[in-house]
C-alpha atoms as a PDB file:
ATOM      1  CA  MET A   1     -89.560 -67.633-197.035  1.00  0.00           C
ATOM      2  CA  LYS A   2     -87.095 -66.862-194.245  1.00  0.00           C
ATOM      3  CA  THR A   3     -88.536 -68.818-191.341  1.00  0.00           C
ATOM      4  CA  TRP A   4     -85.837 -71.021-189.794  1.00  0.00           C
ATOM      5  CA  ARG A   5     -86.610 -74.229-187.938  1.00  0.00           C
ATOM      6  CA  ARG A   6     -84.440 -75.931-185.370  1.00  0.00           C
ATOM      7  CA  GLY A   7     -84.150 -79.117-187.385  1.00  0.00           C
ATOM      8  CA  LEU A   8     -86.014 -82.135-188.710  1.00  0.00           C
ATOM      9  CA  THR A   9     -86.906 -84.815-186.131  1.00  0.00           C
ATOM     10  CA  ASP A  10     -86.961 -88.558-186.779  1.00  0.00           C
ATOM     11  CA  GLU A  11     -90.747 -88.288-186.979  1.00  0.00           C
ATOM     12  CA  ASP A  12     -90.434 -85.521-189.609  1.00  0.00           C
ATOM     13  CA  TRP A  13     -88.216 -87.721-191.785  1.00  0.00           C
ATOM     14  CA  LEU A  14     -90.641 -90.673-191.436  1.00  0.00           C
ATOM     15  CA  ARG A  15     -93.540 -88.485-192.473  1.00  0.00           C
ATOM     16  CA  LEU A  16     -91.659 -86.917-195.376  1.00  0.00           C
ATOM     17  CA  LEU A  17     -90.238 -90.107-196.884  1.00  0.00           C
ATOM     18  CA  GLY A  18     -93.349 -92.083-196.104  1.00  0.00           C
ATOM     19  CA  ARG A  19     -91.723 -95.498-196.120  1.00  0.00           C
ATOM     20  CA  THR A  20     -89.535 -97.704-193.940  1.00  0.00           C
ATOM     21  CA  ASP A  21     -87.205 -98.746-196.772  1.00  0.00           C
ATOM     22  CA  PRO A  22     -85.891 -95.506-198.345  1.00  0.00           C
ATOM     23  CA  LEU A  23     -82.714 -95.235-200.336  1.00  0.00           C
ATOM     24  CA  ILE A  24     -80.650 -92.511-198.699  1.00  0.00           C
ATOM     25  CA  VAL A  25     -77.447 -91.080-200.144  1.00  0.00           C
ATOM     26  CA  GLU A  26     -75.335 -89.291-197.533  1.00  0.00           C
ATOM     27  CA  VAL A  27     -72.497 -87.274-198.972  1.00  0.00           C
ATOM     28  CA  GLY A  28     -70.025 -86.236-196.272  1.00  0.00           C
ATOM     29  CA  CYS A  29     -70.993 -88.837-193.662  1.00  0.00           C
ATOM     30  CA  ASN A  30     -67.990 -88.120-191.408  1.00  0.00           C
ATOM     31  CA  ASP A  31     -68.084 -90.367-188.300  1.00  0.00           C
ATOM     32  CA  GLY A  32     -71.524 -91.839-189.016  1.00  0.00           C
ATOM     33  CA  THR A  33     -73.523 -89.818-186.492  1.00  0.00           C
ATOM     34  CA  ASP A  34     -76.341 -89.021-188.923  1.00  0.00           C
ATOM     35  CA  THR A  35     -76.033 -92.440-190.553  1.00  0.00           C
ATOM     36  CA  ARG A  36     -76.858 -94.049-187.203  1.00  0.00           C
ATOM     37  CA  LYS A  37     -79.929 -91.847-186.827  1.00  0.00           C
ATOM     38  CA  PHE A  38     -81.203 -92.911-190.215  1.00  0.00           C
ATOM     39  CA  LEU A  39     -80.578 -96.565-189.461  1.00  0.00           C
ATOM     40  CA  ASP A  40     -82.529 -96.324-186.221  1.00  0.00           C
ATOM     41  CA  THR A  41     -85.394 -94.442-187.906  1.00  0.00           C
ATOM     42  CA  PHE A  42     -85.752 -96.576-191.043  1.00  0.00           C
ATOM     43  CA  PRO A  43     -85.386-100.318-190.226  1.00  0.00           C
ATOM     44  CA  GLU A  44     -85.371-101.411-193.886  1.00  0.00           C
ATOM     45  CA  CYS A  45     -83.410 -98.539-195.379  1.00  0.00           C
ATOM     46  CA  ARG A  46     -80.384 -98.669-197.647  1.00  0.00           C
ATOM     47  CA  ILE A  47     -77.759 -95.934-197.186  1.00  0.00           C
ATOM     48  CA  ILE A  48     -74.879 -95.151-199.502  1.00  0.00           C
ATOM     49  CA  CYS A  49     -72.318 -92.946-197.779  1.00  0.00           C
ATOM     50  CA  PHE A  50     -69.453 -90.926-199.192  1.00  0.00           C
ATOM     51  CA  GLU A  51     -66.426 -89.812-197.161  1.00  0.00           C
ATOM     52  CA  CYS A  52     -62.834 -89.089-198.093  1.00  0.00           C
ATOM     53  CA  ASP A  53     -61.152 -87.878-194.865  1.00  0.00           C
ATOM     54  CA  ARG A  54     -59.042 -90.784-193.556  1.00  0.00           C
ATOM     55  CA  ARG A  55     -59.703 -89.799-189.912  1.00  0.00           C
ATOM     56  CA  ALA A  56     -63.473 -89.688-190.419  1.00  0.00           C
ATOM     57  CA  ILE A  57     -63.405 -92.982-192.347  1.00  0.00           C
ATOM     58  CA  ALA A  58     -61.644 -94.698-189.423  1.00  0.00           C
ATOM     59  CA  MET A  59     -64.253 -93.419-186.972  1.00  0.00           C
ATOM     60  CA  PHE A  60     -67.116 -94.339-189.325  1.00  0.00           C
ATOM     61  CA  LYS A  61     -65.896 -97.943-189.571  1.00  0.00           C
ATOM     62  CA  ARG A  62     -65.738 -98.171-185.792  1.00  0.00           C
ATOM     63  CA  ASN A  63     -69.217 -96.680-185.371  1.00  0.00           C
ATOM     64  CA  ILE A  64     -71.101 -98.265-188.270  1.00  0.00           C
ATOM     65  CA  ASN A  65     -71.056-101.956-189.074  1.00  0.00           C
ATOM     66  CA  ASP A  66     -74.375-102.652-190.747  1.00  0.00           C
ATOM     67  CA  PRO A  67     -75.266-104.506-193.957  1.00  0.00           C
ATOM     68  CA  ARG A  68     -77.690-101.766-194.864  1.00  0.00           C
ATOM     69  CA  VAL A  69     -74.796 -99.298-195.344  1.00  0.00           C
ATOM     70  CA  GLN A  70     -72.294 -99.011-198.182  1.00  0.00           C
ATOM     71  CA  LEU A  71     -69.329 -96.676-197.701  1.00  0.00           C
ATOM     72  CA  VAL A  72     -67.628 -95.107-200.728  1.00  0.00           C
ATOM     73  CA  GLU A  73     -64.199 -93.836-199.663  1.00  0.00           C
ATOM     74  CA  ALA A  74     -64.050 -90.862-202.001  1.00  0.00           C
ATOM     75  CA  ALA A  75     -65.292 -87.314-202.358  1.00  0.00           C
ATOM     76  CA  ALA A  76     -68.358 -86.765-204.491  1.00  0.00           C
ATOM     77  CA  ALA A  77     -67.596 -84.050-207.064  1.00  0.00           C
ATOM     78  CA  ASP A  78     -68.175 -83.011-210.695  1.00  0.00           C
ATOM     79  CA  ARG A  79     -65.683 -85.501-212.188  1.00  0.00           C
ATOM     80  CA  ASN A  80     -63.951 -88.813-211.566  1.00  0.00           C
ATOM     81  CA  GLY A  81     -60.325 -88.374-210.690  1.00  0.00           C
ATOM     82  CA  PHE A  82     -58.355 -86.664-207.936  1.00  0.00           C
ATOM     83  CA  THR A  83     -58.439 -83.186-206.369  1.00  0.00           C
ATOM     84  CA  PRO A  84     -56.597 -81.313-203.595  1.00  0.00           C
ATOM     85  CA  TRP A  85     -57.940 -81.913-200.098  1.00  0.00           C
ATOM     86  CA  PHE A  86     -57.821 -79.218-197.415  1.00  0.00           C
ATOM     87  CA  ALA A  87     -57.848 -81.041-194.097  1.00  0.00           C
ATOM     88  CA  SER A  88     -59.133 -79.182-191.055  1.00  0.00           C
ATOM     89  CA  HIS A  89     -57.318 -79.430-187.735  1.00  0.00           C
ATOM     90  CA  GLY A  90     -57.441 -77.792-184.321  1.00  0.00           C
ATOM     91  CA  GLU A  91     -58.442 -78.535-180.754  1.00  0.00           C
ATOM     92  CA  VAL A  92     -62.007 -77.420-179.952  1.00  0.00           C
ATOM     93  CA  PRO A  93     -61.994 -75.079-176.930  1.00  0.00           C
ATOM     94  CA  LYS A  94     -63.506 -76.592-173.798  1.00  0.00           C
ATOM     95  CA  THR A  95     -65.955 -73.688-173.674  1.00  0.00           C
ATOM     96  CA  ALA A  96     -67.496 -74.601-177.056  1.00  0.00           C
ATOM     97  CA  ILE A  97     -70.801 -76.392-177.128  1.00  0.00           C
ATOM     98  CA  CYS A  98     -70.166 -79.310-179.463  1.00  0.00           C
ATOM     99  CA  HIS A  99     -71.774 -82.739-179.364  1.00  0.00           C
ATOM    100  CA  VAL A 100     -69.294 -84.795-181.315  1.00  0.00           C
ATOM    101  CA  ALA A 101     -67.000 -87.746-180.780  1.00  0.00           C
ATOM    102  CA  PRO A 102     -64.190 -87.015-178.254  1.00  0.00           C
ATOM    103  CA  GLU A 103     -61.460 -87.585-180.835  1.00  0.00           C
ATOM    104  CA  SER A 104     -62.969 -84.857-183.023  1.00  0.00           C
ATOM    105  CA  LEU A 105     -62.442 -82.350-180.241  1.00  0.00           C
ATOM    106  CA  LEU A 106     -58.691 -83.046-180.244  1.00  0.00           C
ATOM    107  CA  ASP A 107     -58.191 -83.001-184.025  1.00  0.00           C
ATOM    108  CA  TRP A 108     -61.118 -81.343-185.752  1.00  0.00           C
ATOM    109  CA  GLU A 109     -61.831 -83.196-189.019  1.00  0.00           C
ATOM    110  CA  LYS A 110     -65.380 -81.953-189.607  1.00  0.00           C
ATOM    111  CA  SER A 111     -64.523 -78.933-191.728  1.00  0.00           C
ATOM    112  CA  GLY A 112     -62.286 -80.522-194.353  1.00  0.00           C
ATOM    113  CA  SER A 113     -63.137 -79.705-197.945  1.00  0.00           C
ATOM    114  CA  ILE A 114     -62.111 -80.001-201.577  1.00  0.00           C
ATOM    115  CA  ARG A 115     -62.746 -76.255-201.644  1.00  0.00           C
ATOM    116  CA  ARG A 116     -60.021 -73.964-200.391  1.00  0.00           C
ATOM    117  CA  PRO A 117     -60.950 -72.450-196.986  1.00  0.00           C
ATOM    118  CA  THR A 118     -61.247 -68.668-196.914  1.00  0.00           C
ATOM    119  CA  GLY A 119     -63.248 -67.188-194.045  1.00  0.00           C
ATOM    120  CA  HIS A 120     -63.052 -70.463-192.121  1.00  0.00           C
ATOM    121  CA  THR A 121     -59.463 -69.588-191.250  1.00  0.00           C
ATOM    122  CA  ILE A 122     -60.869 -66.596-189.357  1.00  0.00           C
ATOM    123  CA  GLU A 123     -64.069 -68.050-187.908  1.00  0.00           C
ATOM    124  CA  PRO A 124     -64.126 -69.703-185.404  1.00  0.00           C
ATOM    125  CA  GLY A 125     -60.446 -68.944-184.958  1.00  0.00           C
ATOM    126  CA  TRP A 126     -59.115 -72.207-183.514  1.00  0.00           C
ATOM    127  CA  CYS A 127     -59.642 -74.184-186.760  1.00  0.00           C
ATOM    128  CA  THR A 128     -56.666 -74.485-189.094  1.00  0.00           C
ATOM    129  CA  PHE A 129     -56.165 -76.174-192.442  1.00  0.00           C
ATOM    130  CA  ALA A 130     -53.458 -78.035-194.263  1.00  0.00           C
ATOM    131  CA  GLU A 131     -53.517 -79.161-197.874  1.00  0.00           C
ATOM    132  CA  GLU A 132     -52.884 -82.880-197.526  1.00  0.00           C
ATOM    133  CA  GLY A 133     -52.111 -84.196-201.012  1.00  0.00           C
ATOM    134  CA  SER A 134     -55.199 -85.222-202.952  1.00  0.00           C
ATOM    135  CA  VAL A 135     -58.278 -87.359-202.566  1.00  0.00           C
ATOM    136  CA  GLN A 136     -60.177 -89.483-205.059  1.00  0.00           C
ATOM    137  CA  THR A 137     -63.295 -87.919-206.541  1.00  0.00           C
ATOM    138  CA  VAL A 138     -66.297 -89.648-208.070  1.00  0.00           C
ATOM    139  CA  THR A 139     -69.559 -88.364-209.525  1.00  0.00           C
ATOM    140  CA  LEU A 140     -72.813 -89.489-208.027  1.00  0.00           C
ATOM    141  CA  ASP A 141     -74.067 -90.326-211.523  1.00  0.00           C
ATOM    142  CA  SER A 142     -71.190 -92.774-212.017  1.00  0.00           C
ATOM    143  CA  CYS A 143     -71.783 -94.445-208.650  1.00  0.00           C
ATOM    144  CA  LEU A 144     -75.578 -94.449-208.472  1.00  0.00           C
ATOM    145  CA  GLN A 145     -76.599 -95.961-211.824  1.00  0.00           C
ATOM    146  CA  PRO A 146     -80.243 -97.181-211.682  1.00  0.00           C
ATOM    147  CA  GLU A 147     -79.445-100.734-212.716  1.00  0.00           C
ATOM    148  CA  ARG A 148     -77.422-101.205-209.506  1.00  0.00           C
ATOM    149  CA  PHE A 149     -80.490-100.862-207.294  1.00  0.00           C
ATOM    150  CA  PRO A 150     -83.397-103.245-206.943  1.00  0.00           C
ATOM    151  CA  ARG A 151     -85.998-100.509-206.585  1.00  0.00           C
ATOM    152  CA  SER A 152     -86.536 -98.245-209.592  1.00  0.00           C
ATOM    153  CA  ALA A 153     -88.127 -95.387-207.647  1.00  0.00           C
ATOM    154  CA  GLY A 154     -84.758 -93.676-207.258  1.00  0.00           C
ATOM    155  CA  VAL A 155     -83.166 -91.826-204.358  1.00  0.00           C
ATOM    156  CA  ASP A 156     -85.554 -90.855-201.563  1.00  0.00           C
ATOM    157  CA  LEU A 157     -83.144 -88.463-199.820  1.00  0.00           C
ATOM    158  CA  LEU A 158     -79.899 -86.923-201.014  1.00  0.00           C
ATOM    159  CA  TRP A 159     -78.087 -85.414-197.975  1.00  0.00           C
ATOM    160  CA  LEU A 160     -75.138 -83.098-198.616  1.00  0.00           C
ATOM    161  CA  ASP A 161     -72.701 -81.995-195.901  1.00  0.00           C
ATOM    162  CA  VAL A 162     -69.667 -81.089-197.995  1.00  0.00           C
ATOM    163  CA  GLN A 163     -68.302 -77.800-196.650  1.00  0.00           C
ATOM    164  CA  GLY A 164     -68.653 -75.470-199.628  1.00  0.00           C
ATOM    165  CA  ALA A 165     -68.447 -78.122-202.360  1.00  0.00           C
ATOM    166  CA  GLU A 166     -72.201 -78.361-202.920  1.00  0.00           C
ATOM    167  CA  ALA A 167     -72.029 -77.097-206.521  1.00  0.00           C
ATOM    168  CA  ASP A 168     -69.318 -79.621-207.328  1.00  0.00           C
ATOM    169  CA  VAL A 169     -71.472 -82.509-206.097  1.00  0.00           C
ATOM    170  CA  ILE A 170     -74.575 -81.244-207.929  1.00  0.00           C
ATOM    171  CA  LYS A 171     -72.755 -80.851-211.235  1.00  0.00           C
ATOM    172  CA  GLY A 172     -71.811 -84.489-211.092  1.00  0.00           C
ATOM    173  CA  ALA A 173     -75.335 -85.618-210.232  1.00  0.00           C
ATOM    174  CA  TRP A 174     -77.704 -84.457-212.986  1.00  0.00           C
ATOM    175  CA  LYS A 175     -79.125 -87.934-213.609  1.00  0.00           C
ATOM    176  CA  THR A 176     -79.276 -88.707-209.895  1.00  0.00           C
ATOM    177  CA  LEU A 177     -81.160 -85.518-209.124  1.00  0.00           C
ATOM    178  CA  ALA A 178     -83.684 -86.260-211.843  1.00  0.00           C
ATOM    179  CA  ARG A 179     -84.776 -89.304-209.808  1.00  0.00           C
ATOM    180  CA  THR A 180     -84.355 -87.896-206.263  1.00  0.00           C
ATOM    181  CA  ARG A 181     -87.335 -86.966-204.054  1.00  0.00           C
ATOM    182  CA  TYR A 182     -85.669 -84.746-201.442  1.00  0.00           C
ATOM    183  CA  LEU A 183     -82.405 -82.809-201.299  1.00  0.00           C
ATOM    184  CA  TYR A 184     -81.120 -81.588-197.939  1.00  0.00           C
ATOM    185  CA  THR A 185     -78.016 -79.417-198.134  1.00  0.00           C
ATOM    186  CA  GLU A 186     -75.960 -76.712-196.447  1.00  0.00           C
ATOM    187  CA  PHE A 187     -75.524 -73.397-198.230  1.00  0.00           C
ATOM    188  CA  TYR A 188     -73.767 -70.121-197.532  1.00  0.00           C
ATOM    189  CA  ASP A 189     -75.740 -66.951-198.218  1.00  0.00           C
ATOM    190  CA  ARG A 190     -75.529 -63.675-196.314  1.00  0.00           C
ATOM    191  CA  GLU A 191     -79.090 -62.667-197.262  1.00  0.00           C
ATOM    192  CA  PHE A 192     -80.550 -65.859-195.810  1.00  0.00           C
ATOM    193  CA  ARG A 193     -78.449 -66.361-192.722  1.00  0.00           C
ATOM    194  CA  GLN A 194     -80.565 -66.451-189.579  1.00  0.00           C
ATOM    195  CA  GLN A 195     -77.666 -65.094-187.519  1.00  0.00           C
ATOM    196  CA  ASN A 196     -74.149 -63.672-187.977  1.00  0.00           C
ATOM    197  CA  ALA A 197     -75.072 -62.113-191.324  1.00  0.00           C
ATOM    198  CA  ASP A 198     -71.614 -60.522-191.519  1.00  0.00           C
ATOM    199  CA  LEU A 199     -69.868 -63.925-191.412  1.00  0.00           C
ATOM    200  CA  PRO A 200     -67.450 -64.109-194.343  1.00  0.00           C
ATOM    201  CA  GLU A 201     -67.576 -66.754-197.044  1.00  0.00           C
ATOM    202  CA  LEU A 202     -66.065 -69.858-195.435  1.00  0.00           C
ATOM    203  CA  TYR A 203     -64.921 -71.682-198.567  1.00  0.00           C
ATOM    204  CA  GLU A 204     -63.791 -70.429-201.950  1.00  0.00           C
ATOM    205  CA  GLY A 205     -66.725 -70.546-204.344  1.00  0.00           C
ATOM    206  CA  ALA A 206     -69.241 -71.816-201.802  1.00  0.00           C
ATOM    207  CA  PRO A 207     -72.667 -71.538-203.503  1.00  0.00           C
ATOM    208  CA  GLY A 208     -75.516 -69.462-202.192  1.00  0.00           C
ATOM    209  CA  LEU A 209     -79.156 -70.537-202.183  1.00  0.00           C
ATOM    210  CA  ALA A 210     -79.963 -69.006-205.589  1.00  0.00           C
ATOM    211  CA  GLU A 211     -77.040 -70.799-207.228  1.00  0.00           C
ATOM    212  CA  ILE A 212     -77.993 -74.158-205.708  1.00  0.00           C
ATOM    213  CA  ILE A 213     -81.604 -73.788-206.815  1.00  0.00           C
ATOM    214  CA  GLY A 214     -80.474 -72.743-210.299  1.00  0.00           C
ATOM    215  CA  LEU A 215     -78.231 -75.760-210.573  1.00  0.00           C
ATOM    216  CA  VAL A 216     -80.775 -78.364-209.421  1.00  0.00           C
ATOM    217  CA  TRP A 217     -83.393 -76.908-211.745  1.00  0.00           C
ATOM    218  CA  GLN A 218     -81.187 -77.915-214.624  1.00  0.00           C
ATOM    219  CA  ALA A 219     -82.015 -81.498-213.633  1.00  0.00           C
ATOM    220  CA  SER A 220     -85.669 -81.148-212.650  1.00  0.00           C
ATOM    221  CA  GLN A 221     -88.183 -78.815-210.994  1.00  0.00           C
ATOM    222  CA  TRP A 222     -87.987 -78.328-207.216  1.00  0.00           C
ATOM    223  CA  ASP A 223     -89.923 -76.612-204.407  1.00  0.00           C
ATOM    224  CA  LEU A 224     -88.330 -75.125-201.305  1.00  0.00           C
ATOM    225  CA  ARG A 225     -89.699 -76.803-198.156  1.00  0.00           C
ATOM    226  CA  GLY A 226     -87.855 -74.981-195.385  1.00  0.00           C
ATOM    227  CA  PHE A 227     -84.704 -73.553-193.791  1.00  0.00           C
ATOM    228  CA  PHE A 228     -83.036 -75.204-190.809  1.00  0.00           C
ATOM    229  CA  ASP A 229     -80.473 -74.215-188.206  1.00  0.00           C
ATOM    230  CA  GLY A 230     -76.882 -74.594-189.319  1.00  0.00           C
ATOM    231  CA  GLY A 231     -77.607 -73.048-192.728  1.00  0.00           C
ATOM    232  CA  ASN A 232     -79.476 -75.972-194.278  1.00  0.00           C
ATOM    233  CA  VAL A 233     -82.286 -76.059-196.812  1.00  0.00           C
ATOM    234  CA  LEU A 234     -84.759 -78.835-197.802  1.00  0.00           C
ATOM    235  CA  LEU A 235     -85.844 -79.032-201.406  1.00  0.00           C
ATOM    236  CA  GLU A 236     -88.543 -81.352-202.743  1.00  0.00           C
ATOM    237  CA  ARG A 237     -88.749 -82.453-206.355  1.00  0.00           C
ATOM    238  CA  ARG A 238     -92.095 -81.525-207.820  1.00  0.00           C
ATOM    239  CA  GLN A 239     -94.668 -84.270-208.086  1.00  0.00           C
ATOM    240  CA  GLU A 240     -95.286 -83.664-211.762  1.00  0.00           C
ATOM    241  CA  ALA A 241     -91.578 -84.133-212.340  1.00  0.00           C
ATOM    242  CA  LEU A 242     -91.586 -87.352-210.286  1.00  0.00           C
ATOM    243  CA  ARG A 243     -94.202 -88.827-212.631  1.00  0.00           C
ATOM    244  CA  GLU A 244     -92.167 -88.172-215.770  1.00  0.00           C
END
């Protein structure tokens, strides 16, 4: 399957999740742009967000003030502790098409990662990185224990936007994945890129599609539901696995 779609609409998410009160875990929430869309789409939702970049956290708190949202100020990873943080910087060229908060255009914080940048220092060219000390890391399994949530059905949507650290998050989320309905994540893979197939690896150790699927299958069985612009994939946990 190599058919790419432009993206999932609010109506698509409503149809997929099939309820107005989903539990959504958003890892790499940045300034809350996607969080706001989920809040508007699902009036009774609960969202647990993870973000570790101090600039993004400040914008998130200005943009999102809602009792349905819990913000964890840490990076989700494969262990609890601390890890180096590579903060992205740079002023976005005025010719670039980019629908983000104005402050992001002056100091680009959307590409920061716990993974060392490699090709991202070349593409798009204006983005630079500095290792700014360390950030706290937590595993999803340690933060999302079932007894902490009133509904036992588990996580309806796990959304990853972590700039090459997808494998790190997954390795710390075996129990969480075993009770998750949908996983939506970025991935880097030359074979499956819909454009710019010669683009270099952007982050050291960024996992490809096969690696991501292999990892999540260690937790449960999943089906691939589609590819989406920006290098994203939607995986759905198999129904027989959901009944276990």
